[in-house]
Amino acid sequence: MLNILLKQHAKKVFKLFTPLLLSLSVAACSSTGFGDLFSNYNQQMQGVKVAQKNGDFQQAISLIPARNENDGTYSLTLLEKGRLEYLAMNTSLSQQDLEKVYQRVKEQQQAAKIQLSRQTAKVASVVTNDNAMSYDVPYYEQSMLNSYQALNYLNQQDLSGALVEIRRANIVQNNALKANRQSIEDSQKKMADEGISQKTLNSKYPAQSTAIGQVKNGFQNAYTFYLSGVLYEAAGQVNDAYIDYKKALEIYPSNTTVQKDVWRLANQLAMSNDIEIFTKRFAPAITQSVSVSNNGQLVLIVEQGIVNSKQQVSLSLPIFSYHNNVRFYNVALPVYPNTLQKYSGVSLSYQGKNYQSEEIVRLQSLAAKQLQDNMPGIVTRQIVRLVAKEQIRKQAARKGGDIGNILANLYNIVSEKADTRSWSTLPDSIEILRVDLAAGQHDLTLNINGNKQTITVNINPNRQTLVTLTAIDRYTNYQTINL
């Protein structure tokens, strides 16, 4: 008799959880793989990043979890592969994977075509977590995608293709600038409507001020504008180069390499008003600097380290669960470590002068600022999710008794996972350095964070030689492109 009762009870519990299991199936098939719902992305990528730090990029690529085109994390997988393929100098493969992401982002921006699939993912996320939603590539990652594509084209000696990509990167930043302020205000209002003020969130959520540093937003990238200026100069479009150098200067005003390029082109273009302003603004060493006729220029781009992965933190927040009753719930949220790695940069000596690279973008800071701006929206979804899960638990307790209550609680605990997805193979920091060199071949010794690396460059008269150098721990390598 006892066995019959237990079987009947088990059937009731199974019947109760059938809709939930169906929702999970939908999420797994149409948006995100089942396993991704219950494991953190940063944990999946640990082995990949270890291999990347060791300079074993093929091994790193092989360790990236496989995902199909219907998976919500597929675009992020392609970004990771595209970056590692670029480092491994597999230009064509990197180009193919990054182009797929670009096309997918364009499709996502045509909201009418994908509203149904996105809505399905959002419904699934209500009973699981944000990992059930398709990964939306943030603006700073989109601009880096186009920047790497530009370098891929340059490695194929295709300057016009590189310029197309750099224009795309600039469009991304312009679009982000228009959308950013209103988006933040709207998400903060929605969070407040759910009973959590920005002040309450700030008091609970770990500080990220050190990681964010001095950046004003999570998308303005001075590096993409500077690279744009370099390429426009190489194409003879000096006015366009000057505009983008000035944009880079506006974002990163302390970088003396950018200051010198702005000053140089201001004089070349006879921008009298700007020259007057810059004479007061820049140091005498910059305004008195001159280029030697028939010299070429070494333009050095230095990628340092690897950006940190998001971590998971558990917070207790006061939430109106039902009938205006306030209860404290533990919620899982993503967070970046509140640190910034220090780099000594790259220095070189030439004809008795010492030159030092300077930071042009801190991708770690952009990532942390982007997450800070997204946090109200993340918290709002968490509140909706917790209220829905609480109702499911109550229904399970009513219809399934203690067993139903226990199963519902276990599911809620297991499914409470923060969305730690981000392009985690990007560099932490990017620095630049420009040096006038006499035409001809040069063997230059660089000091990179205390390690010496000799590079060979060919300098053409009145032309630029672009060197992209990667420094990850003790691994260093470089690529040279004559523009």
Protein backbone atom coordinates (compact mmCIF):
# COMPACT_ATOMS: atom_id res chain seq x y z
CA MET A 1 0.00 0.00 0.00
CA LEU A 2 2.85 2.37 0.88
CA ASN A 3 4.54 1.70 -2.48
CA ILE A 4 1.31 2.51 -4.35
CA LEU A 5 0.98 5.83 -2.50
CA LEU A 6 4.61 6.74 -3.21
CA LYS A 7 4.17 5.97 -6.90
CA GLN A 8 1.03 8.10 -7.07
CA HIS A 9 2.82 10.96 -5.32
CA ALA A 10 5.76 10.66 -7.68
CA LYS A 11 3.42 10.87 -10.69
CA LYS A 12 1.91 14.08 -9.33
CA VAL A 13 5.36 15.61 -8.85
CA PHE A 14 6.42 14.56 -12.35
CA LYS A 15 3.24 16.05 -13.81
CA LEU A 16 3.88 19.28 -11.92
CA PHE A 17 7.44 19.62 -13.25
CA THR A 18 6.62 18.67 -16.85
CA PRO A 19 6.01 22.32 -17.96
CA LEU A 20 9.29 23.32 -16.35
CA LEU A 21 11.19 20.55 -18.11
CA LEU A 22 9.58 21.56 -21.41
CA SER A 23 10.74 25.14 -20.86
CA LEU A 24 14.26 23.89 -20.29
CA SER A 25 14.09 21.84 -23.46
CA VAL A 26 13.03 24.89 -25.44
CA ALA A 27 15.92 26.87 -23.95
CA ALA A 28 18.39 24.11 -24.70
CA CYS A 29 17.27 23.62 -28.31
CA SER A 30 16.51 27.15 -29.43
CA SER A 31 18.83 29.35 -27.41
CA THR A 32 21.47 27.85 -25.18
CA GLY A 33 22.84 24.38 -24.64
CA PHE A 34 21.44 22.58 -21.61
CA GLY A 35 24.86 22.33 -19.95
CA ASP A 36 25.51 26.07 -20.26
CA LEU A 37 22.47 26.80 -18.09
CA PHE A 38 24.05 25.18 -15.05
CA SER A 39 27.77 25.98 -15.38
CA ASN A 40 29.59 29.31 -15.44
CA TYR A 41 31.17 30.39 -18.72
CA ASN A 42 34.33 31.56 -16.97
CA GLN A 43 34.87 28.03 -15.62
CA GLN A 44 34.48 26.58 -19.11
CA MET A 45 37.15 28.98 -20.41
CA GLN A 46 39.79 28.46 -17.72
CA GLY A 47 41.75 25.87 -19.70
CA VAL A 48 41.50 28.03 -22.82
CA LYS A 49 43.03 31.02 -21.05
CA VAL A 50 45.83 28.92 -19.52
CA ALA A 51 46.80 27.71 -23.00
CA GLN A 52 46.56 31.28 -24.32
CA LYS A 53 48.90 32.53 -21.59
CA ASN A 54 51.38 29.84 -22.60
CA GLY A 55 51.21 30.95 -26.23
CA ASP A 56 49.69 27.62 -27.31
CA PHE A 57 46.86 29.09 -29.35
CA GLN A 58 45.95 25.91 -31.26
CA GLN A 59 45.50 24.10 -27.95
CA ALA A 60 43.42 27.00 -26.69
CA ILE A 61 41.15 26.81 -29.76
CA SER A 62 40.68 23.06 -29.28
CA LEU A 63 39.52 23.60 -25.69
CA ILE A 64 36.70 26.01 -26.56
CA PRO A 65 33.37 24.18 -26.00
CA ALA A 66 31.70 23.27 -29.30
CA ARG A 67 28.37 24.97 -30.02
CA ASN A 68 26.06 24.91 -33.03
CA GLU A 69 24.57 27.87 -34.86
CA ASN A 70 21.31 27.69 -32.89
CA ASP A 71 23.13 28.06 -29.58
CA GLY A 72 22.77 31.44 -27.91
CA THR A 73 26.49 31.47 -27.09
CA TYR A 74 27.59 30.62 -30.63
CA SER A 75 28.59 34.20 -31.53
CA LEU A 76 30.78 34.41 -28.43
CA THR A 77 32.43 31.10 -29.34
CA LEU A 78 33.27 32.54 -32.76
CA LEU A 79 34.72 35.69 -31.16
CA GLU A 80 36.98 33.60 -28.94
CA LYS A 81 38.11 31.49 -31.90
CA GLY A 82 38.60 34.55 -34.12
CA ARG A 83 40.88 36.22 -31.58
CA LEU A 84 42.96 33.07 -30.98
CA GLU A 85 43.20 32.37 -34.72
CA TYR A 86 44.46 35.93 -35.18
CA LEU A 87 47.15 35.31 -32.56
CA ALA A 88 48.06 32.02 -34.25
CA MET A 89 48.38 33.98 -37.54
CA ASN A 90 45.56 31.98 -39.14
CA THR A 91 44.31 35.12 -40.86
CA SER A 92 41.73 33.55 -43.16
CA LEU A 93 40.11 31.47 -40.39
CA SER A 94 40.01 34.48 -38.07
CA GLN A 95 38.46 36.56 -40.82
CA GLN A 96 35.78 33.95 -41.54
CA ASP A 97 34.75 33.52 -37.90
CA LEU A 98 34.66 37.24 -37.13
CA GLU A 99 32.65 37.94 -40.28
CA LYS A 100 30.05 35.37 -39.15
CA VAL A 101 29.69 37.25 -35.87
CA TYR A 102 29.35 40.58 -37.66
CA GLN A 103 26.56 39.20 -39.84
CA ARG A 104 24.78 37.68 -36.82
CA VAL A 105 24.95 41.02 -34.98
CA LYS A 106 23.42 42.72 -38.02
CA GLU A 107 20.60 40.18 -38.05
CA GLN A 108 19.97 40.72 -34.34
CA GLN A 109 19.65 44.44 -34.97
CA GLN A 110 16.79 43.71 -37.36
CA ALA A 111 14.55 43.03 -34.38
CA ALA A 112 11.39 42.23 -36.32
CA LYS A 113 12.93 39.10 -37.79
CA ILE A 114 13.95 37.58 -34.47
CA GLN A 115 11.44 38.85 -31.94
CA LEU A 116 9.83 35.43 -31.58
CA SER A 117 13.08 33.56 -30.97
CA ARG A 118 14.31 36.20 -28.55
CA GLN A 119 11.01 36.16 -26.69
CA THR A 120 11.25 32.38 -26.37
CA ALA A 121 14.72 32.73 -24.88
CA LYS A 122 13.51 35.38 -22.43
CA VAL A 123 10.62 33.17 -21.30
CA ALA A 124 13.03 30.29 -20.77
CA SER A 125 15.35 32.56 -18.78
CA VAL A 126 12.53 33.36 -16.33
CA VAL A 127 12.62 29.78 -15.02
CA THR A 128 16.38 29.27 -15.48
CA ASN A 129 18.88 32.17 -15.66
CA ASP A 130 20.32 34.75 -18.03
CA ASN A 131 22.46 32.08 -19.69
CA ALA A 132 19.26 30.99 -21.48
CA MET A 133 19.28 34.27 -23.40
CA SER A 134 21.24 34.76 -26.61
CA TYR A 135 24.54 36.54 -26.01
CA ASP A 136 24.29 40.18 -27.07
CA VAL A 137 27.73 41.33 -28.20
CA PRO A 138 28.37 44.59 -26.30
CA TYR A 139 29.52 47.67 -28.17
CA TYR A 140 33.15 47.55 -27.02
CA GLU A 141 33.42 43.95 -28.24
CA GLN A 142 31.85 44.90 -31.57
CA SER A 143 34.43 47.65 -32.12
CA MET A 144 37.25 45.22 -31.27
CA LEU A 145 35.77 42.69 -33.70
CA ASN A 146 36.03 45.25 -36.50
CA SER A 147 39.52 46.29 -35.38
CA TYR A 148 40.80 42.72 -35.64
CA GLN A 149 39.11 42.35 -38.99
CA ALA A 150 40.93 45.48 -40.16
CA LEU A 151 44.24 43.92 -39.08
CA ASN A 152 43.28 40.67 -40.84
CA TYR A 153 42.75 42.63 -44.07
CA LEU A 154 46.05 44.43 -43.61
CA ASN A 155 47.82 41.10 -43.23
CA GLN A 156 46.45 40.32 -46.70
CA GLN A 157 47.71 43.67 -48.01
CA ASP A 158 44.12 44.88 -48.44
CA LEU A 159 44.02 48.45 -47.15
CA SER A 160 40.60 49.21 -48.66
CA GLY A 161 39.07 46.20 -46.86
CA ALA A 162 40.69 47.35 -43.62
CA LEU A 163 39.19 50.81 -44.05
CA VAL A 164 35.70 49.31 -44.44
CA GLU A 165 36.13 47.53 -41.12
CA ILE A 166 37.45 50.58 -39.33
CA ARG A 167 34.46 52.60 -40.56
CA ARG A 168 32.21 49.90 -39.13
CA ALA A 169 34.00 50.21 -35.78
CA ASN A 170 33.40 53.96 -35.78
CA ILE A 171 29.71 53.47 -36.60
CA VAL A 172 29.42 51.12 -33.63
CA GLN A 173 30.75 53.79 -31.29
CA ASN A 174 28.51 56.48 -32.76
CA ASN A 175 25.44 54.26 -32.35
CA ALA A 176 26.44 53.40 -28.78
CA LEU A 177 26.84 57.06 -27.88
CA LYS A 178 23.28 57.79 -29.03
CA ALA A 179 21.71 54.83 -27.24
CA ASN A 180 23.70 54.71 -24.02
CA ARG A 181 22.24 57.41 -21.77
CA GLN A 182 18.57 56.61 -22.40
CA SER A 183 19.22 52.90 -22.02
CA ILE A 184 20.81 53.34 -18.58
CA GLU A 185 18.00 55.61 -17.35
CA ASP A 186 15.31 53.19 -18.58
CA SER A 187 16.91 50.16 -16.91
CA GLN A 188 17.36 52.01 -13.61
CA LYS A 189 13.67 53.02 -13.67
CA LYS A 190 12.54 49.45 -14.33
CA MET A 191 14.68 48.22 -11.45
CA ALA A 192 13.19 50.88 -9.15
CA ASP A 193 9.69 49.78 -10.21
CA GLU A 194 10.60 46.32 -8.90
CA GLY A 195 11.53 47.81 -5.51
CA ILE A 196 15.35 48.07 -5.78
CA SER A 197 16.90 51.53 -5.92
CA GLN A 198 20.31 52.25 -7.41
CA LYS A 199 21.47 53.22 -3.92
CA THR A 200 20.41 49.85 -2.49
CA LEU A 201 22.16 48.01 -5.30
CA ASN A 202 25.35 50.05 -4.83
CA SER A 203 25.37 49.25 -1.10
CA LYS A 204 25.18 45.50 -1.78
CA TYR A 205 27.12 45.02 -5.00
CA PRO A 206 30.94 44.73 -4.85
CA ALA A 207 32.82 47.89 -5.83
CA GLN A 208 34.38 47.95 -9.29
CA SER A 209 35.83 51.46 -9.15
CA THR A 210 39.44 50.28 -9.49
CA ALA A 211 38.62 48.05 -12.46
CA ILE A 212 36.60 50.83 -14.14
CA GLY A 213 39.31 53.40 -13.62
CA GLN A 214 38.79 56.70 -15.42
CA VAL A 215 36.57 55.57 -18.30
CA LYS A 216 33.30 57.47 -18.71
CA ASN A 217 31.40 54.69 -20.48
CA GLY A 218 31.83 51.10 -21.63
CA PHE A 219 32.12 51.63 -25.38
CA GLN A 220 34.28 54.62 -26.37
CA ASN A 221 37.52 53.06 -27.54
CA ALA A 222 40.36 55.45 -28.36
CA TYR A 223 42.36 52.61 -29.90
CA THR A 224 39.89 52.03 -32.73
CA PHE A 225 39.91 55.74 -33.55
CA TYR A 226 43.70 55.84 -33.46
CA LEU A 227 43.99 52.78 -35.71
CA SER A 228 41.47 54.45 -38.00
CA GLY A 229 43.67 57.55 -38.17
CA VAL A 230 46.73 55.46 -39.04
CA LEU A 231 44.90 53.70 -41.87
CA TYR A 232 43.38 56.89 -43.24
CA GLU A 233 46.88 58.44 -43.32
CA ALA A 234 48.20 55.40 -45.15
CA ALA A 235 45.41 55.83 -47.72
CA GLY A 236 46.25 59.53 -48.16
CA GLN A 237 42.98 60.66 -46.53
CA VAL A 238 44.63 63.12 -44.17
CA ASN A 239 41.52 65.07 -43.21
CA ASP A 240 39.76 61.88 -42.10
CA ALA A 241 42.89 60.82 -40.22
CA TYR A 242 42.98 64.14 -38.39
CA ILE A 243 39.32 63.83 -37.34
CA ASP A 244 39.83 60.38 -35.87
CA TYR A 245 43.11 61.27 -34.14
CA LYS A 246 41.21 64.10 -32.46
CA LYS A 247 38.48 61.66 -31.37
CA ALA A 248 41.14 59.41 -29.87
CA LEU A 249 42.62 62.42 -28.10
CA GLU A 250 39.24 63.39 -26.68
CA ILE A 251 38.86 59.94 -25.13
CA TYR A 252 42.49 59.53 -24.01
CA PRO A 253 43.89 63.08 -23.70
CA SER A 254 47.02 62.11 -21.75
CA ASN A 255 48.54 59.95 -24.50
CA THR A 256 51.51 61.89 -25.91
CA THR A 257 51.69 59.78 -29.09
CA VAL A 258 48.16 60.89 -29.96
CA GLN A 259 49.01 64.47 -29.01
CA LYS A 260 51.99 64.45 -31.39
CA ASP A 261 49.93 63.05 -34.27
CA VAL A 262 47.18 65.62 -33.74
CA TRP A 263 49.77 68.41 -33.59
CA ARG A 264 51.56 67.10 -36.70
CA LEU A 265 48.43 66.95 -38.83
CA ALA A 266 47.07 70.23 -37.47
CA ASN A 267 50.17 71.90 -38.86
CA GLN A 268 50.10 69.89 -42.09
CA LEU A 269 46.48 70.93 -42.68
CA ALA A 270 47.06 74.50 -41.45
CA MET A 271 44.36 74.28 -38.78
CA SER A 272 45.17 77.67 -37.28
CA ASN A 273 42.49 77.66 -34.57
CA ASP A 274 43.43 74.18 -33.41
CA ILE A 275 47.12 75.04 -33.50
CA GLU A 276 46.49 77.96 -31.15
CA ILE A 277 44.55 75.73 -28.74
CA PHE A 278 47.09 72.90 -28.85
CA THR A 279 50.03 75.28 -28.37
CA LYS A 280 48.59 76.14 -24.94
CA ARG A 281 47.47 72.61 -24.17
CA PHE A 282 50.46 70.47 -25.15
CA ALA A 283 53.92 70.43 -23.66
CA PRO A 284 56.68 72.34 -25.52
CA ALA A 285 58.39 69.03 -26.40
CA ILE A 286 55.37 68.10 -28.50
CA THR A 287 54.74 71.43 -30.18
CA GLN A 288 58.42 71.81 -31.07
CA SER A 289 58.82 68.30 -32.49
CA VAL A 290 59.41 68.00 -36.24
CA SER A 291 59.61 65.06 -38.62
CA VAL A 292 62.79 64.54 -40.65
CA SER A 293 62.20 64.62 -44.40
CA ASN A 294 62.16 61.16 -46.10
CA ASN A 295 62.07 59.37 -42.77
CA GLY A 296 59.44 56.70 -42.27
CA GLN A 297 57.45 55.97 -39.14
CA LEU A 298 57.29 52.89 -36.97
CA VAL A 299 53.79 52.59 -35.50
CA LEU A 300 53.82 50.07 -32.67
CA ILE A 301 50.61 48.59 -31.23
CA VAL A 302 51.20 46.58 -28.06
CA GLU A 303 48.59 44.19 -26.67
CA GLN A 304 49.22 43.42 -23.01
CA GLY A 305 47.87 40.52 -20.95
CA ILE A 306 44.39 38.99 -21.07
CA VAL A 307 41.20 40.63 -19.85
CA ASN A 308 39.76 39.18 -16.62
CA SER A 309 36.76 36.87 -16.77
CA LYS A 310 33.55 37.68 -14.95
CA GLN A 311 33.07 35.98 -11.60
CA GLN A 312 29.88 35.08 -9.74
CA VAL A 313 28.87 36.79 -6.51
CA SER A 314 25.87 36.02 -4.31
CA LEU A 315 23.94 38.95 -2.84
CA SER A 316 20.99 39.13 -0.45
CA LEU A 317 18.45 41.63 -1.79
CA PRO A 318 15.06 42.73 -0.36
CA ILE A 319 12.43 41.74 -2.94
CA PHE A 320 8.64 42.08 -3.01
CA SER A 321 7.80 38.45 -3.70
CA TYR A 322 3.97 38.42 -3.63
CA HIS A 323 1.14 40.30 -1.91
CA ASN A 324 3.68 43.10 -1.28
CA ASN A 325 5.56 40.94 1.22
CA VAL A 326 9.27 41.73 1.41
CA ARG A 327 11.72 38.87 1.72
CA PHE A 328 15.48 38.72 1.35
CA TYR A 329 16.58 36.47 -1.50
CA ASN A 330 20.05 35.34 -2.50
CA VAL A 331 20.72 36.25 -6.12
CA ALA A 332 23.70 35.31 -8.29
CA LEU A 333 25.20 38.25 -10.21
CA PRO A 334 28.26 38.65 -12.45
CA VAL A 335 31.14 40.84 -11.30
CA TYR A 336 34.69 41.62 -12.41
CA PRO A 337 37.60 41.46 -9.95
CA ASN A 338 38.20 45.00 -8.71
CA THR A 339 41.83 45.13 -9.85
CA LEU A 340 43.90 46.42 -12.73
CA GLN A 341 47.16 44.73 -13.67
CA LYS A 342 50.12 47.11 -13.93
CA TYR A 343 52.33 46.97 -17.03
CA SER A 344 55.63 48.74 -17.52
CA GLY A 345 55.00 48.84 -21.26
CA VAL A 346 57.47 48.77 -24.12
CA SER A 347 60.55 50.93 -24.43
CA LEU A 348 63.13 51.22 -27.21
CA SER A 349 66.26 53.26 -27.81
CA TYR A 350 67.11 54.81 -31.17
CA GLN A 351 69.91 57.26 -31.96
CA GLY A 352 70.45 58.10 -28.32
CA LYS A 353 66.77 58.70 -27.55
CA ASN A 354 64.48 56.55 -25.43
CA TYR A 355 60.87 55.98 -26.42
CA GLN A 356 58.08 54.54 -24.26
CA SER A 357 54.70 53.11 -25.28
CA GLU A 358 51.59 54.53 -23.62
CA GLU A 359 48.17 53.05 -22.99
CA ILE A 360 45.44 53.97 -25.48
CA VAL A 361 42.64 51.75 -24.13
CA ARG A 362 42.04 49.59 -21.08
CA LEU A 363 39.63 46.92 -22.26
CA GLN A 364 39.26 45.65 -18.70
CA SER A 365 37.89 49.04 -17.71
CA LEU A 366 35.49 49.17 -20.64
CA ALA A 367 34.22 45.69 -19.74
CA ALA A 368 33.71 46.59 -16.07
CA LYS A 369 31.95 49.85 -16.94
CA GLN A 370 29.71 48.05 -19.44
CA LEU A 371 28.74 45.55 -16.74
CA GLN A 372 28.05 48.35 -14.26
CA ASP A 373 25.73 50.04 -16.76
CA ASN A 374 23.98 46.73 -17.48
CA MET A 375 23.52 45.79 -13.83
CA PRO A 376 20.08 47.41 -13.27
CA GLY A 377 18.68 45.38 -16.16
CA ILE A 378 20.32 42.21 -14.86
CA VAL A 379 18.90 42.77 -11.38
CA THR A 380 15.42 43.49 -12.78
CA ARG A 381 15.43 40.16 -14.62
CA GLN A 382 16.60 38.45 -11.44
CA ILE A 383 13.68 39.88 -9.47
CA VAL A 384 11.15 38.71 -12.06
CA ARG A 385 12.84 35.31 -12.10
CA LEU A 386 12.84 34.90 -8.32
CA VAL A 387 9.17 35.79 -8.03
CA ALA A 388 8.31 33.29 -10.78
CA LYS A 389 10.40 30.55 -9.17
CA GLU A 390 8.81 31.23 -5.79
CA GLN A 391 5.38 30.73 -7.31
CA ILE A 392 6.52 27.47 -8.88
CA ARG A 393 7.87 26.32 -5.50
CA LYS A 394 4.58 27.14 -3.78
CA GLN A 395 2.64 25.27 -6.44
CA ALA A 396 5.00 22.32 -6.06
CA ALA A 397 4.52 22.36 -2.27
CA ARG A 398 0.73 22.46 -2.60
CA LYS A 399 0.48 19.69 -5.18
CA GLY A 400 3.55 17.63 -4.35
CA GLY A 401 3.89 18.09 -0.62
CA ASP A 402 7.35 17.92 0.94
CA ILE A 403 8.84 16.12 -2.06
CA GLY A 404 7.59 18.77 -4.46
CA ASN A 405 8.85 21.53 -2.19
CA ILE A 406 12.28 19.92 -1.89
CA LEU A 407 12.60 19.33 -5.65
CA ALA A 408 11.58 22.90 -6.42
CA ASN A 409 14.06 24.29 -3.90
CA LEU A 410 16.85 22.10 -5.28
CA TYR A 411 16.08 23.23 -8.81
CA ASN A 412 16.05 26.88 -7.77
CA ILE A 413 19.46 26.48 -6.11
CA VAL A 414 21.02 24.61 -9.04
CA SER A 415 19.64 27.03 -11.66
CA GLU A 416 20.74 30.17 -9.80
CA LYS A 417 23.78 30.92 -11.99
CA ALA A 418 25.12 34.32 -13.00
CA ASP A 419 25.75 35.02 -16.66
CA THR A 420 29.56 35.27 -16.77
CA ARG A 421 29.82 35.32 -20.57
CA SER A 422 32.16 37.85 -22.19
CA TRP A 423 34.88 37.88 -24.86
CA SER A 424 37.47 36.59 -22.43
CA THR A 425 40.48 36.14 -24.77
CA LEU A 426 40.79 39.87 -25.50
CA PRO A 427 43.87 41.74 -24.30
CA ASP A 428 43.68 43.61 -21.01
CA SER A 429 45.40 46.77 -22.24
CA ILE A 430 46.56 48.19 -25.59
CA GLU A 431 49.44 50.67 -25.87
CA ILE A 432 50.84 52.64 -28.80
CA LEU A 433 54.16 54.17 -29.78
CA ARG A 434 55.23 56.04 -32.92
CA VAL A 435 58.89 56.66 -33.78
CA ASP A 436 60.46 58.37 -36.81
CA LEU A 437 63.13 56.10 -38.33
CA ALA A 438 65.48 56.49 -41.27
CA ALA A 439 64.50 54.53 -44.35
CA GLY A 440 65.95 51.02 -44.51
CA GLN A 441 66.04 47.87 -42.41
CA HIS A 442 66.38 48.11 -38.64
CA ASP A 443 66.91 45.54 -35.91
CA LEU A 444 65.34 47.13 -32.84
CA THR A 445 65.60 45.82 -29.31
CA LEU A 446 62.47 46.33 -27.28
CA ASN A 447 62.20 46.06 -23.52
CA ILE A 448 58.77 44.58 -22.76
CA ASN A 449 57.91 44.49 -19.06
CA GLY A 450 61.54 43.67 -18.28
CA ASN A 451 61.96 41.13 -21.12
CA LYS A 452 63.96 41.92 -24.25
CA GLN A 453 62.67 41.21 -27.76
CA THR A 454 64.45 42.07 -31.01
CA ILE A 455 62.26 42.93 -33.97
CA THR A 456 63.27 43.50 -37.59
CA VAL A 457 61.44 46.21 -39.52
CA ASN A 458 61.73 47.66 -43.01
CA ILE A 459 61.02 51.39 -43.11
CA ASN A 460 60.01 53.08 -46.36
CA PRO A 461 60.46 56.85 -46.90
CA ASN A 462 57.43 58.88 -45.80
CA ARG A 463 55.45 55.71 -45.14
CA GLN A 464 54.32 53.88 -42.05
CA THR A 465 55.34 50.42 -40.88
CA LEU A 466 52.76 48.95 -38.51
CA VAL A 467 53.98 46.46 -35.91
CA THR A 468 51.43 44.66 -33.75
CA LEU A 469 53.06 43.07 -30.73
CA THR A 470 51.42 40.69 -28.26
CA ALA A 471 52.79 40.33 -24.71
CA ILE A 472 51.06 37.77 -22.45
CA ASP A 473 53.05 36.89 -19.34
CA ARG A 474 56.45 35.82 -20.76
CA TYR A 475 55.09 35.11 -24.25
CA THR A 476 55.80 37.74 -26.90
CA ASN A 477 55.36 37.79 -30.66
CA TYR A 478 54.88 40.38 -33.36
CA GLN A 479 53.60 40.93 -36.90
CA THR A 480 54.86 43.59 -39.32
CA ILE A 481 52.83 45.31 -42.03
CA ASN A 482 54.15 47.96 -44.40
CA LEU A 483 51.39 50.47 -45.15
